[in-house]
Amino acid sequence: MEDNFSDKRSGGGGNIFWAIILVAFLFALYKTNPTPKQFGTFLATEVAKKMGADQSTVKLIGGITDYDQVAEWINKFSNREDYVFFSIYTIEVGKKKNQFFGVFNNFIPFGGDDKKGRK
């Protein structure tokens, strides 16, 4: 009987390993959930790129931007849904609505639409 008991216990080591991996992954997600200030910097950099600024100008904008002012301006036009491990940012300017998935200190655009014709 002791042999059967010890066999059952030896298979549990893999479960602990995966539990530790899961906890580490969730902790990494939690620590790298981007802040509104990071979103403001991201948007300022993206706007500079779309306006045709060269790479050195984009780096300069990202480096000297007053994060508090950018975050304040972004908060006027955007909404953050904080899900602890990631965030979804929605920004509406004029008739355009853009959404960004914020995870691992990065932003991934998704679900943008044009609200023309909507009532």
Protein backbone atom coordinates (compact mmCIF):
# COMPACT_ATOMS: atom_id res chain seq x y z
CA MET A 1 0.00 0.00 0.00
CA GLU A 2 2.79 2.43 0.68
CA ASP A 3 4.04 2.00 -2.88
CA ASN A 4 0.73 3.22 -4.33
CA PHE A 5 0.72 6.21 -2.02
CA SER A 6 4.25 7.24 -2.95
CA ASP A 7 3.42 6.89 -6.68
CA LYS A 8 0.54 9.36 -6.34
CA ARG A 9 2.71 11.88 -4.54
CA SER A 10 5.52 11.78 -7.10
CA GLY A 11 3.17 12.95 -9.89
CA GLY A 12 2.30 16.17 -8.02
CA GLY A 13 5.66 17.84 -8.61
CA GLY A 14 4.66 18.90 -12.10
CA ASN A 15 1.57 20.65 -10.78
CA ILE A 16 3.66 22.76 -8.42
CA PHE A 17 6.00 23.68 -11.25
CA TRP A 18 3.13 24.88 -13.45
CA ALA A 19 1.55 26.74 -10.54
CA ILE A 20 4.82 28.62 -9.98
CA ILE A 21 5.06 29.40 -13.70
CA LEU A 22 1.46 30.69 -13.70
CA VAL A 23 2.04 32.89 -10.64
CA ALA A 24 5.24 34.29 -12.17
CA PHE A 25 3.43 35.03 -15.45
CA LEU A 26 0.55 36.78 -13.67
CA PHE A 27 3.01 38.79 -11.56
CA ALA A 28 4.84 39.88 -14.73
CA LEU A 29 1.52 40.94 -16.30
CA TYR A 30 0.59 42.89 -13.16
CA LYS A 31 3.93 44.71 -12.97
CA THR A 32 3.94 45.62 -16.66
CA ASN A 33 0.34 46.85 -16.95
CA PRO A 34 0.94 50.21 -18.68
CA THR A 35 -0.04 53.41 -16.89
CA PRO A 36 -1.90 56.40 -18.36
CA LYS A 37 1.43 58.28 -18.43
CA GLN A 38 2.93 55.54 -20.59
CA PHE A 39 -0.12 55.70 -22.85
CA GLY A 40 0.35 59.47 -23.20
CA THR A 41 3.98 59.01 -24.20
CA PHE A 42 3.01 56.29 -26.66
CA LEU A 43 0.38 58.52 -28.28
CA ALA A 44 2.70 61.53 -28.49
CA THR A 45 5.30 59.36 -30.22
CA GLU A 46 2.72 57.88 -32.61
CA VAL A 47 1.38 61.33 -33.53
CA ALA A 48 4.93 62.54 -34.22
CA LYS A 49 5.55 59.52 -36.47
CA LYS A 50 2.31 60.10 -38.41
CA MET A 51 3.22 63.75 -38.89
CA GLY A 52 6.42 62.65 -40.60
CA ALA A 53 8.90 63.48 -37.87
CA ASP A 54 12.25 61.79 -38.25
CA GLN A 55 13.45 59.19 -35.74
CA SER A 56 15.60 61.64 -33.71
CA THR A 57 12.62 63.99 -33.28
CA VAL A 58 10.42 61.10 -32.16
CA LYS A 59 13.02 60.08 -29.57
CA LEU A 60 13.30 63.68 -28.41
CA ILE A 61 9.52 63.99 -27.99
CA GLY A 62 9.39 60.74 -26.04
CA GLY A 63 12.29 61.86 -23.87
CA ILE A 64 11.21 65.39 -22.94
CA THR A 65 7.43 65.13 -22.90
CA ASP A 66 5.96 66.33 -19.61
CA TYR A 67 4.20 63.12 -18.65
CA ASP A 68 1.75 64.82 -16.31
CA GLN A 69 0.55 67.25 -18.99
CA VAL A 70 0.27 64.51 -21.60
CA ALA A 71 -1.60 62.21 -19.21
CA GLU A 72 -3.96 65.05 -18.30
CA TRP A 73 -4.65 65.80 -21.97
CA ILE A 74 -5.07 62.12 -22.81
CA ASN A 75 -7.48 61.65 -19.89
CA LYS A 76 -9.74 64.31 -21.39
CA PHE A 77 -10.16 62.28 -24.56
CA SER A 78 -9.63 58.71 -23.44
CA ASN A 79 -10.97 56.06 -21.13
CA ARG A 80 -8.90 53.41 -19.35
CA GLU A 81 -10.40 50.10 -18.38
CA ASP A 82 -7.95 48.61 -15.88
CA TYR A 83 -8.15 44.83 -15.58
CA VAL A 84 -5.17 44.55 -13.16
CA PHE A 85 -3.08 42.42 -15.56
CA PHE A 86 -3.73 44.55 -18.66
CA SER A 87 -5.62 47.68 -19.66
CA ILE A 88 -7.80 48.72 -22.55
CA TYR A 89 -7.54 52.35 -23.60
CA THR A 90 -10.21 53.96 -25.75
CA ILE A 91 -9.64 57.38 -27.26
CA GLU A 92 -12.21 59.35 -29.19
CA VAL A 93 -11.20 62.40 -31.16
CA GLY A 94 -13.80 63.87 -33.45
CA LYS A 95 -15.55 61.05 -35.23
CA LYS A 96 -12.75 58.52 -34.76
CA LYS A 97 -12.65 55.94 -32.00
CA ASN A 98 -9.46 53.95 -31.43
CA GLN A 99 -8.78 51.25 -28.88
CA PHE A 100 -5.46 49.98 -27.59
CA PHE A 101 -4.70 46.84 -25.62
CA GLY A 102 -2.01 47.66 -23.06
CA VAL A 103 0.08 44.72 -21.85
CA PHE A 104 3.77 44.15 -21.02
CA ASN A 105 4.38 47.94 -21.25
CA ASN A 106 3.26 47.88 -24.91
CA PHE A 107 0.16 49.02 -26.76
CA ILE A 108 -1.55 47.04 -29.47
CA PRO A 109 -4.19 48.84 -31.53
CA PHE A 110 -7.47 47.02 -32.11
CA GLY A 111 -11.14 47.72 -32.68
CA GLY A 112 -10.82 51.22 -34.09
CA ASP A 113 -13.81 52.49 -36.01
CA ASP A 114 -15.15 55.49 -37.76
CA LYS A 115 -18.34 56.75 -36.15
CA LYS A 116 -19.63 58.47 -39.30
CA GLY A 117 -23.21 57.63 -39.90
CA ARG A 118 -23.82 56.40 -36.36
CA LYS A 119 -26.60 57.96 -34.35
